[in-house]
Amino acid sequence: MGIQFKNVSHEYVGIKTKDEAIININLNIEGSGEFIAILGHTGAGKSTLVQHMNALLLPTSGTLDVFGQILPPKKRERINYLRQKVGLVFQFPEYQLFENTIIDDIAFGPKNFKETKANAYENAKKAASMVGISEDLYQKSPFRISGGQMRRVAVAGILAMNPNILVLDEPTRGLDPLGRDEMMDIFKNIHEKENKTLVLITHDMDIVSKYAKRVVVLKEGKIVFDGKKEELFIHPNFKDFNLDLPTPLKILKYLEEKLGIPFEPKYSKEELVEYLKEAKLWIIK
């Protein structure tokens, strides 16, 4: 069991206005093994959707089942434990660092959820290893390391709570291309080795193409697509989703049009390079 949205809507209510952020959402997310990208233009409802997954926001209407906990909850029912089941990494998570040392910052979450000190630091060390933070950095200040390392420390702080589902809101925003690739490879390894479900909000279609297995597209607060990434890019209504094709597919379509190289979908630059090597031999023959 993981997360199940049943006709979930959420309204932001102002003094004189109401804004429907998500509308009648029906969505199932497995508790392990999925790698889902959530797409849509700014204002489509992506952040509102994922903030329901660990009860930072509650449905205005409909119900949400998060690992057996029904939301909205009954009065006075404690639900903060859901933030241990579903870890949410916000944009620029390094802004939330505050402890004196890296290891203390990573261990804060487990300690806050009543882990023993020994277990909290054991979990923190495991999480640090998962994101490539070496032991010689443990006693350093989290404010005296590089920006990329700070982001890793912040992610490790969520991982130390051992969530079943990791929700990532634009996790590579502000990183250079090398830092972006390194961070995404970390998440890929976590997904594959720990069998965790990853839910990723991003505008980077190259990331979606390379890493995601399933894609959910929001438009004006509603789900307009939910399926495999391979199905998304050939969907007859793809243009209506206001999304761009990933770079490998753009290049392949151009080469088919200009050089007659047969179009064969490739979803990463590595796959594209290998295919073009073969295509070159085909052209020579």
C-alpha atoms as a PDB file:
ATOM      1  CA  MET A   1       0.000   0.000   0.000  1.00  0.00           C
ATOM      2  CA  GLY A   2       1.191   3.511  -0.779  1.00  0.00           C
ATOM      3  CA  ILE A   3      -0.801   6.651  -1.596  1.00  0.00           C
ATOM      4  CA  GLN A   4      -4.272   6.764  -3.096  1.00  0.00           C
ATOM      5  CA  PHE A   5      -6.078   9.957  -4.088  1.00  0.00           C
ATOM      6  CA  LYS A   6      -9.862   9.574  -4.397  1.00  0.00           C
ATOM      7  CA  ASN A   7     -11.613  12.544  -6.025  1.00  0.00           C
ATOM      8  CA  VAL A   8      -9.296  14.946  -4.194  1.00  0.00           C
ATOM      9  CA  SER A   9      -9.659  18.692  -4.702  1.00  0.00           C
ATOM     10  CA  HIS A  10      -7.975  21.553  -2.893  1.00  0.00           C
ATOM     11  CA  GLU A  11      -9.001  25.210  -2.781  1.00  0.00           C
ATOM     12  CA  TYR A  12      -6.945  28.148  -1.588  1.00  0.00           C
ATOM     13  CA  VAL A  13      -9.403  30.593  -0.036  1.00  0.00           C
ATOM     14  CA  GLY A  14      -8.651  34.309   0.094  1.00  0.00           C
ATOM     15  CA  ILE A  15     -10.677  37.165   1.532  1.00  0.00           C
ATOM     16  CA  LYS A  16     -12.771  37.519  -1.613  1.00  0.00           C
ATOM     17  CA  THR A  17     -11.441  34.777  -3.890  1.00  0.00           C
ATOM     18  CA  LYS A  18     -11.183  31.010  -4.182  1.00  0.00           C
ATOM     19  CA  ASP A  19      -8.553  29.279  -6.265  1.00  0.00           C
ATOM     20  CA  GLU A  20      -8.989  25.617  -7.197  1.00  0.00           C
ATOM     21  CA  ALA A  21      -5.420  24.321  -7.262  1.00  0.00           C
ATOM     22  CA  ILE A  22      -6.194  20.647  -7.904  1.00  0.00           C
ATOM     23  CA  ILE A  23      -9.521  19.276  -9.064  1.00  0.00           C
ATOM     24  CA  ASN A  24     -10.979  15.788  -8.675  1.00  0.00           C
ATOM     25  CA  ILE A  25      -7.633  13.979  -8.555  1.00  0.00           C
ATOM     26  CA  ASN A  26      -7.643  10.174  -8.739  1.00  0.00           C
ATOM     27  CA  LEU A  27      -4.143   8.795  -8.492  1.00  0.00           C
ATOM     28  CA  ASN A  28      -2.461   5.679  -7.103  1.00  0.00           C
ATOM     29  CA  ILE A  29       1.223   5.601  -6.119  1.00  0.00           C
ATOM     30  CA  GLU A  30       2.834   2.355  -5.021  1.00  0.00           C
ATOM     31  CA  GLY A  31       4.709   2.295  -1.717  1.00  0.00           C
ATOM     32  CA  SER A  32       7.878   1.013  -3.380  1.00  0.00           C
ATOM     33  CA  GLY A  33       9.532   0.591  -6.758  1.00  0.00           C
ATOM     34  CA  GLU A  34       8.067   3.475  -8.777  1.00  0.00           C
ATOM     35  CA  PHE A  35       9.899   6.414 -10.388  1.00  0.00           C
ATOM     36  CA  ILE A  36       7.264   9.000 -11.283  1.00  0.00           C
ATOM     37  CA  ALA A  37       7.706  12.424 -12.846  1.00  0.00           C
ATOM     38  CA  ILE A  38       4.975  15.018 -12.297  1.00  0.00           C
ATOM     39  CA  LEU A  39       4.834  17.604 -15.074  1.00  0.00           C
ATOM     40  CA  GLY A  40       2.875  20.722 -15.896  1.00  0.00           C
ATOM     41  CA  HIS A  41       3.333  24.443 -16.347  1.00  0.00           C
ATOM     42  CA  THR A  42       3.671  26.815 -13.414  1.00  0.00           C
ATOM     43  CA  GLY A  43       0.328  26.975 -11.640  1.00  0.00           C
ATOM     44  CA  ALA A  44      -0.810  23.553 -12.858  1.00  0.00           C
ATOM     45  CA  GLY A  45      -1.053  22.259  -9.277  1.00  0.00           C
ATOM     46  CA  LYS A  46       2.101  20.139  -8.990  1.00  0.00           C
ATOM     47  CA  SER A  47       3.346  21.439  -5.638  1.00  0.00           C
ATOM     48  CA  THR A  48      -0.162  21.423  -4.172  1.00  0.00           C
ATOM     49  CA  LEU A  49      -0.539  17.797  -5.249  1.00  0.00           C
ATOM     50  CA  VAL A  50       2.676  16.553  -3.652  1.00  0.00           C
ATOM     51  CA  GLN A  51       2.144  18.509  -0.426  1.00  0.00           C
ATOM     52  CA  HIS A  52      -0.944  16.357   0.126  1.00  0.00           C
ATOM     53  CA  MET A  53       1.221  13.233   0.057  1.00  0.00           C
ATOM     54  CA  ASN A  54       2.599  13.797   3.556  1.00  0.00           C
ATOM     55  CA  ALA A  55      -0.277  15.882   4.924  1.00  0.00           C
ATOM     56  CA  LEU A  56       1.306  19.318   4.638  1.00  0.00           C
ATOM     57  CA  LEU A  57      -1.978  20.137   2.917  1.00  0.00           C
ATOM     58  CA  LEU A  58      -5.304  18.365   3.403  1.00  0.00           C
ATOM     59  CA  PRO A  59      -8.062  17.820   0.841  1.00  0.00           C
ATOM     60  CA  THR A  60     -10.829  20.364   0.596  1.00  0.00           C
ATOM     61  CA  SER A  61     -12.967  17.549  -0.773  1.00  0.00           C
ATOM     62  CA  GLY A  62     -12.394  13.877  -1.479  1.00  0.00           C
ATOM     63  CA  THR A  63     -10.177  11.545   0.547  1.00  0.00           C
ATOM     64  CA  LEU A  64      -6.560  10.509   0.565  1.00  0.00           C
ATOM     65  CA  ASP A  65      -5.175   7.208   1.848  1.00  0.00           C
ATOM     66  CA  VAL A  66      -1.487   7.449   2.824  1.00  0.00           C
ATOM     67  CA  PHE A  67      -0.199   4.081   4.017  1.00  0.00           C
ATOM     68  CA  GLY A  68      -3.549   3.337   5.651  1.00  0.00           C
ATOM     69  CA  GLN A  69      -4.075   6.796   7.181  1.00  0.00           C
ATOM     70  CA  ILE A  70      -7.201   8.449   5.799  1.00  0.00           C
ATOM     71  CA  LEU A  71      -7.029  12.193   5.174  1.00  0.00           C
ATOM     72  CA  PRO A  72      -8.607  14.483   6.191  1.00  0.00           C
ATOM     73  CA  PRO A  73      -8.171  12.820   9.585  1.00  0.00           C
ATOM     74  CA  LYS A  74     -10.613  12.563  12.412  1.00  0.00           C
ATOM     75  CA  LYS A  75     -10.409  15.390  14.939  1.00  0.00           C
ATOM     76  CA  ARG A  76      -7.265  15.395  17.103  1.00  0.00           C
ATOM     77  CA  GLU A  77      -5.779  12.452  15.229  1.00  0.00           C
ATOM     78  CA  ARG A  78      -1.986  12.749  15.023  1.00  0.00           C
ATOM     79  CA  ILE A  79      -0.681  12.613  11.457  1.00  0.00           C
ATOM     80  CA  ASN A  80       2.837  14.043  11.661  1.00  0.00           C
ATOM     81  CA  TYR A  81       4.264  10.497  11.495  1.00  0.00           C
ATOM     82  CA  LEU A  82       3.314  10.487   7.805  1.00  0.00           C
ATOM     83  CA  ARG A  83       6.267  12.808   7.190  1.00  0.00           C
ATOM     84  CA  GLN A  84       8.472   9.865   8.107  1.00  0.00           C
ATOM     85  CA  LYS A  85       6.673   7.601   5.612  1.00  0.00           C
ATOM     86  CA  VAL A  86       6.722  10.205   2.828  1.00  0.00           C
ATOM     87  CA  GLY A  87       9.788  12.438   2.756  1.00  0.00           C
ATOM     88  CA  LEU A  88       9.384  15.739   0.912  1.00  0.00           C
ATOM     89  CA  VAL A  89      12.474  17.529  -0.411  1.00  0.00           C
ATOM     90  CA  PHE A  90      11.601  21.134  -1.274  1.00  0.00           C
ATOM     91  CA  GLN A  91      13.303  23.357  -3.821  1.00  0.00           C
ATOM     92  CA  PHE A  92      16.655  24.606  -2.490  1.00  0.00           C
ATOM     93  CA  PRO A  93      16.502  22.306   0.593  1.00  0.00           C
ATOM     94  CA  GLU A  94      19.934  23.576   1.682  1.00  0.00           C
ATOM     95  CA  TYR A  95      18.178  26.710   2.970  1.00  0.00           C
ATOM     96  CA  GLN A  96      16.748  24.538   5.762  1.00  0.00           C
ATOM     97  CA  LEU A  97      20.131  23.510   7.213  1.00  0.00           C
ATOM     98  CA  PHE A  98      20.707  24.857  10.715  1.00  0.00           C
ATOM     99  CA  GLU A  99      22.789  22.522  12.931  1.00  0.00           C
ATOM    100  CA  ASN A 100      26.442  23.096  13.859  1.00  0.00           C
ATOM    101  CA  THR A 101      27.781  19.992  12.108  1.00  0.00           C
ATOM    102  CA  ILE A 102      26.796  18.026   9.026  1.00  0.00           C
ATOM    103  CA  ILE A 103      26.155  14.812  10.916  1.00  0.00           C
ATOM    104  CA  ASP A 104      24.003  16.593  13.507  1.00  0.00           C
ATOM    105  CA  ASP A 105      21.914  18.148  10.753  1.00  0.00           C
ATOM    106  CA  ILE A 106      21.351  14.790   9.042  1.00  0.00           C
ATOM    107  CA  ALA A 107      20.470  13.128  12.371  1.00  0.00           C
ATOM    108  CA  PHE A 108      17.948  15.817  13.362  1.00  0.00           C
ATOM    109  CA  GLY A 109      14.970  14.165  11.633  1.00  0.00           C
ATOM    110  CA  PRO A 110      15.359  10.707  13.194  1.00  0.00           C
ATOM    111  CA  LYS A 111      15.905  12.273  16.642  1.00  0.00           C
ATOM    112  CA  ASN A 112      12.766  14.362  16.157  1.00  0.00           C
ATOM    113  CA  PHE A 113      10.809  11.173  15.494  1.00  0.00           C
ATOM    114  CA  LYS A 114      11.979   9.725  18.821  1.00  0.00           C
ATOM    115  CA  GLU A 115      14.751   7.435  17.534  1.00  0.00           C
ATOM    116  CA  THR A 116      17.423   6.677  20.117  1.00  0.00           C
ATOM    117  CA  LYS A 117      20.541   8.770  19.724  1.00  0.00           C
ATOM    118  CA  ALA A 118      22.529   5.719  18.597  1.00  0.00           C
ATOM    119  CA  ASN A 119      19.947   4.767  15.949  1.00  0.00           C
ATOM    120  CA  ALA A 120      19.572   8.363  14.772  1.00  0.00           C
ATOM    121  CA  TYR A 121      23.285   8.688  14.080  1.00  0.00           C
ATOM    122  CA  GLU A 122      23.468   5.234  12.530  1.00  0.00           C
ATOM    123  CA  ASN A 123      20.677   6.235  10.132  1.00  0.00           C
ATOM    124  CA  ALA A 124      22.406   9.559   9.489  1.00  0.00           C
ATOM    125  CA  LYS A 125      25.674   7.866   8.536  1.00  0.00           C
ATOM    126  CA  LYS A 126      23.884   5.492   6.166  1.00  0.00           C
ATOM    127  CA  ALA A 127      22.043   8.398   4.547  1.00  0.00           C
ATOM    128  CA  ALA A 128      25.268  10.397   4.239  1.00  0.00           C
ATOM    129  CA  SER A 129      26.869   7.473   2.425  1.00  0.00           C
ATOM    130  CA  MET A 130      23.902   7.210   0.056  1.00  0.00           C
ATOM    131  CA  VAL A 131      24.411  10.800  -1.129  1.00  0.00           C
ATOM    132  CA  GLY A 132      28.222  10.684  -1.240  1.00  0.00           C
ATOM    133  CA  ILE A 133      29.020  12.598   1.966  1.00  0.00           C
ATOM    134  CA  SER A 134      32.251  11.097   3.320  1.00  0.00           C
ATOM    135  CA  GLU A 135      33.040  10.572   6.998  1.00  0.00           C
ATOM    136  CA  ASP A 136      35.758  13.238   7.016  1.00  0.00           C
ATOM    137  CA  LEU A 137      33.023  15.852   6.464  1.00  0.00           C
ATOM    138  CA  TYR A 138      30.800  14.809   9.374  1.00  0.00           C
ATOM    139  CA  GLN A 139      32.106  17.371  11.869  1.00  0.00           C
ATOM    140  CA  LYS A 140      32.272  20.261   9.423  1.00  0.00           C
ATOM    141  CA  SER A 141      29.738  23.060   9.450  1.00  0.00           C
ATOM    142  CA  PRO A 142      27.052  22.541   6.770  1.00  0.00           C
ATOM    143  CA  PHE A 143      27.576  26.211   5.885  1.00  0.00           C
ATOM    144  CA  ARG A 144      31.257  25.761   5.007  1.00  0.00           C
ATOM    145  CA  ILE A 145      30.888  23.321   2.140  1.00  0.00           C
ATOM    146  CA  SER A 146      29.945  23.783  -1.508  1.00  0.00           C
ATOM    147  CA  GLY A 147      26.384  24.429  -2.625  1.00  0.00           C
ATOM    148  CA  GLY A 148      26.149  20.984  -4.200  1.00  0.00           C
ATOM    149  CA  GLN A 149      27.346  19.339  -0.985  1.00  0.00           C
ATOM    150  CA  MET A 150      24.859  21.378   1.047  1.00  0.00           C
ATOM    151  CA  ARG A 151      22.046  20.043  -1.091  1.00  0.00           C
ATOM    152  CA  ARG A 152      23.295  16.491  -0.548  1.00  0.00           C
ATOM    153  CA  VAL A 153      23.319  17.046   3.197  1.00  0.00           C
ATOM    154  CA  ALA A 154      19.748  18.338   3.079  1.00  0.00           C
ATOM    155  CA  VAL A 155      18.599  15.322   1.051  1.00  0.00           C
ATOM    156  CA  ALA A 156      20.432  13.001   3.460  1.00  0.00           C
ATOM    157  CA  GLY A 157      18.449  14.550   6.312  1.00  0.00           C
ATOM    158  CA  ILE A 158      15.240  13.318   4.680  1.00  0.00           C
ATOM    159  CA  LEU A 159      16.711   9.907   3.797  1.00  0.00           C
ATOM    160  CA  ALA A 160      17.842   9.405   7.403  1.00  0.00           C
ATOM    161  CA  MET A 161      14.185   9.051   8.374  1.00  0.00           C
ATOM    162  CA  ASN A 162      14.012   6.087   5.949  1.00  0.00           C
ATOM    163  CA  PRO A 163      10.867   7.162   4.094  1.00  0.00           C
ATOM    164  CA  ASN A 164       9.088   4.662   1.854  1.00  0.00           C
ATOM    165  CA  ILE A 165       8.402   7.389  -0.698  1.00  0.00           C
ATOM    166  CA  LEU A 166      10.730  10.273  -1.518  1.00  0.00           C
ATOM    167  CA  VAL A 167       9.071  13.335  -3.088  1.00  0.00           C
ATOM    168  CA  LEU A 168      11.439  15.710  -4.875  1.00  0.00           C
ATOM    169  CA  ASP A 169      10.308  19.211  -5.848  1.00  0.00           C
ATOM    170  CA  GLU A 170      12.700  20.478  -8.561  1.00  0.00           C
ATOM    171  CA  PRO A 171      15.719  18.857  -6.831  1.00  0.00           C
ATOM    172  CA  THR A 172      18.249  19.956  -9.488  1.00  0.00           C
ATOM    173  CA  ARG A 173      17.124  23.576  -9.751  1.00  0.00           C
ATOM    174  CA  GLY A 174      20.066  25.977  -9.598  1.00  0.00           C
ATOM    175  CA  LEU A 175      22.689  23.266 -10.182  1.00  0.00           C
ATOM    176  CA  ASP A 176      25.115  23.277 -13.096  1.00  0.00           C
ATOM    177  CA  PRO A 177      24.824  20.404 -15.635  1.00  0.00           C
ATOM    178  CA  LEU A 178      27.450  18.289 -13.867  1.00  0.00           C
ATOM    179  CA  GLY A 179      25.835  18.823 -10.468  1.00  0.00           C
ATOM    180  CA  ARG A 180      22.417  18.047 -11.954  1.00  0.00           C
ATOM    181  CA  ASP A 181      23.624  14.739 -13.405  1.00  0.00           C
ATOM    182  CA  GLU A 182      25.378  13.768 -10.178  1.00  0.00           C
ATOM    183  CA  MET A 183      22.284  14.499  -8.108  1.00  0.00           C
ATOM    184  CA  MET A 184      19.995  12.569 -10.431  1.00  0.00           C
ATOM    185  CA  ASP A 185      22.357   9.587 -10.432  1.00  0.00           C
ATOM    186  CA  ILE A 186      22.180   9.626  -6.618  1.00  0.00           C
ATOM    187  CA  PHE A 187      18.389   9.459  -6.784  1.00  0.00           C
ATOM    188  CA  LYS A 188      18.553   6.704  -9.407  1.00  0.00           C
ATOM    189  CA  ASN A 189      20.810   4.622  -7.155  1.00  0.00           C
ATOM    190  CA  ILE A 190      18.487   5.168  -4.185  1.00  0.00           C
ATOM    191  CA  HIS A 191      15.545   4.049  -6.298  1.00  0.00           C
ATOM    192  CA  GLU A 192      17.293   0.958  -7.623  1.00  0.00           C
ATOM    193  CA  LYS A 193      19.217  -0.191  -4.533  1.00  0.00           C
ATOM    194  CA  GLU A 194      16.672   0.708  -1.854  1.00  0.00           C
ATOM    195  CA  ASN A 195      13.565   0.033  -4.006  1.00  0.00           C
ATOM    196  CA  LYS A 196      12.069   3.339  -2.872  1.00  0.00           C
ATOM    197  CA  THR A 197       9.358   5.083  -4.813  1.00  0.00           C
ATOM    198  CA  LEU A 198      10.520   8.462  -6.116  1.00  0.00           C
ATOM    199  CA  VAL A 199       8.067  11.208  -7.090  1.00  0.00           C
ATOM    200  CA  LEU A 200       9.815  13.971  -9.007  1.00  0.00           C
ATOM    201  CA  ILE A 201       8.521  17.418  -9.952  1.00  0.00           C
ATOM    202  CA  THR A 202      10.614  18.886 -12.741  1.00  0.00           C
ATOM    203  CA  HIS A 203      10.478  21.087 -15.831  1.00  0.00           C
ATOM    204  CA  ASP A 204      13.543  19.389 -17.316  1.00  0.00           C
ATOM    205  CA  MET A 205      12.290  17.023 -20.003  1.00  0.00           C
ATOM    206  CA  ASP A 206      15.756  15.496 -20.442  1.00  0.00           C
ATOM    207  CA  ILE A 207      15.624  14.352 -16.811  1.00  0.00           C
ATOM    208  CA  VAL A 208      12.142  12.924 -17.344  1.00  0.00           C
ATOM    209  CA  SER A 209      13.271  11.129 -20.483  1.00  0.00           C
ATOM    210  CA  LYS A 210      16.353   9.551 -18.897  1.00  0.00           C
ATOM    211  CA  TYR A 211      15.149   8.649 -15.417  1.00  0.00           C
ATOM    212  CA  ALA A 212      11.361   8.468 -15.072  1.00  0.00           C
ATOM    213  CA  LYS A 213       9.362   5.326 -15.718  1.00  0.00           C
ATOM    214  CA  ARG A 214       5.892   6.818 -15.303  1.00  0.00           C
ATOM    215  CA  VAL A 215       4.685  10.353 -15.967  1.00  0.00           C
ATOM    216  CA  VAL A 216       1.723  12.264 -14.574  1.00  0.00           C
ATOM    217  CA  VAL A 217       0.820  15.492 -16.382  1.00  0.00           C
ATOM    218  CA  LEU A 218      -1.269  18.203 -14.741  1.00  0.00           C
ATOM    219  CA  LYS A 219      -3.028  20.981 -16.590  1.00  0.00           C
ATOM    220  CA  GLU A 220      -5.145  23.586 -14.802  1.00  0.00           C
ATOM    221  CA  GLY A 221      -5.324  21.406 -11.717  1.00  0.00           C
ATOM    222  CA  LYS A 222      -6.453  18.236 -13.484  1.00  0.00           C
ATOM    223  CA  ILE A 223      -4.602  15.079 -14.523  1.00  0.00           C
ATOM    224  CA  VAL A 224      -4.534  14.941 -18.320  1.00  0.00           C
ATOM    225  CA  PHE A 225      -2.072  12.057 -18.655  1.00  0.00           C
ATOM    226  CA  ASP A 226      -0.886   9.200 -16.464  1.00  0.00           C
ATOM    227  CA  GLY A 227       1.224   6.505 -18.066  1.00  0.00           C
ATOM    228  CA  LYS A 228       4.634   5.357 -19.265  1.00  0.00           C
ATOM    229  CA  LYS A 229       7.040   8.015 -20.545  1.00  0.00           C
ATOM    230  CA  GLU A 230       7.279   6.161 -23.884  1.00  0.00           C
ATOM    231  CA  GLU A 231       3.525   6.620 -24.295  1.00  0.00           C
ATOM    232  CA  LEU A 232       3.678  10.304 -23.364  1.00  0.00           C
ATOM    233  CA  PHE A 233       6.029  11.370 -26.137  1.00  0.00           C
ATOM    234  CA  ILE A 234       3.895   9.770 -28.878  1.00  0.00           C
ATOM    235  CA  HIS A 235       0.547  10.739 -27.362  1.00  0.00           C
ATOM    236  CA  PRO A 236      -1.788  12.332 -29.969  1.00  0.00           C
ATOM    237  CA  ASN A 237      -2.504  15.208 -27.570  1.00  0.00           C
ATOM    238  CA  PHE A 238       1.138  15.797 -26.586  1.00  0.00           C
ATOM    239  CA  LYS A 239       1.152  19.349 -27.979  1.00  0.00           C
ATOM    240  CA  ASP A 240      -1.915  20.190 -25.891  1.00  0.00           C
ATOM    241  CA  PHE A 241       0.043  19.325 -22.736  1.00  0.00           C
ATOM    242  CA  ASN A 242       2.335  22.338 -23.379  1.00  0.00           C
ATOM    243  CA  LEU A 243       5.451  20.234 -22.921  1.00  0.00           C
ATOM    244  CA  ASP A 244       8.663  20.125 -24.913  1.00  0.00           C
ATOM    245  CA  LEU A 245      10.259  17.000 -26.346  1.00  0.00           C
ATOM    246  CA  PRO A 246      13.496  15.878 -24.674  1.00  0.00           C
ATOM    247  CA  THR A 247      16.705  16.690 -26.542  1.00  0.00           C
ATOM    248  CA  PRO A 248      17.442  13.120 -27.796  1.00  0.00           C
ATOM    249  CA  LEU A 249      14.034  12.861 -29.457  1.00  0.00           C
ATOM    250  CA  LYS A 250      14.358  16.336 -30.985  1.00  0.00           C
ATOM    251  CA  ILE A 251      17.716  15.403 -32.505  1.00  0.00           C
ATOM    252  CA  LEU A 252      16.422  12.088 -33.835  1.00  0.00           C
ATOM    253  CA  LYS A 253      13.397  13.711 -35.463  1.00  0.00           C
ATOM    254  CA  TYR A 254      15.659  16.316 -37.088  1.00  0.00           C
ATOM    255  CA  LEU A 255      18.070  13.675 -38.396  1.00  0.00           C
ATOM    256  CA  GLU A 256      15.222  11.650 -39.841  1.00  0.00           C
ATOM    257  CA  GLU A 257      13.893  14.712 -41.646  1.00  0.00           C
ATOM    258  CA  LYS A 258      17.242  16.036 -42.911  1.00  0.00           C
ATOM    259  CA  LEU A 259      19.367  12.921 -43.393  1.00  0.00           C
ATOM    260  CA  GLY A 260      16.862  10.108 -43.620  1.00  0.00           C
ATOM    261  CA  ILE A 261      18.257   8.334 -40.569  1.00  0.00           C
ATOM    262  CA  PRO A 262      15.449   6.045 -39.342  1.00  0.00           C
ATOM    263  CA  PHE A 263      13.762   7.414 -36.249  1.00  0.00           C
ATOM    264  CA  GLU A 264      14.144   5.092 -33.284  1.00  0.00           C
ATOM    265  CA  PRO A 265      13.247   6.539 -29.864  1.00  0.00           C
ATOM    266  CA  LYS A 266      16.172   7.010 -27.479  1.00  0.00           C
ATOM    267  CA  TYR A 267      15.688   8.540 -24.078  1.00  0.00           C
ATOM    268  CA  SER A 268      19.153   9.635 -22.929  1.00  0.00           C
ATOM    269  CA  LYS A 269      22.228  11.208 -24.500  1.00  0.00           C
ATOM    270  CA  GLU A 270      24.136   7.968 -23.889  1.00  0.00           C
ATOM    271  CA  GLU A 271      21.556   5.933 -25.813  1.00  0.00           C
ATOM    272  CA  LEU A 272      21.522   8.594 -28.532  1.00  0.00           C
ATOM    273  CA  VAL A 273      25.308   8.487 -29.004  1.00  0.00           C
ATOM    274  CA  GLU A 274      25.315   4.695 -29.315  1.00  0.00           C
ATOM    275  CA  TYR A 275      22.496   4.788 -31.841  1.00  0.00           C
ATOM    276  CA  LEU A 276      24.195   7.483 -33.930  1.00  0.00           C
ATOM    277  CA  LYS A 277      27.370   5.390 -34.024  1.00  0.00           C
ATOM    278  CA  GLU A 278      25.331   2.565 -35.513  1.00  0.00           C
ATOM    279  CA  ALA A 279      23.479   4.972 -37.830  1.00  0.00           C
ATOM    280  CA  LYS A 280      26.806   6.261 -39.179  1.00  0.00           C
ATOM    281  CA  LEU A 281      27.798   2.730 -40.150  1.00  0.00           C
ATOM    282  CA  TRP A 282      24.374   2.270 -41.753  1.00  0.00           C
ATOM    283  CA  ILE A 283      24.838   5.439 -43.832  1.00  0.00           C
ATOM    284  CA  ILE A 284      28.315   4.347 -44.988  1.00  0.00           C
ATOM    285  CA  LYS A 285      27.002   0.962 -46.103  1.00  0.00           C
END
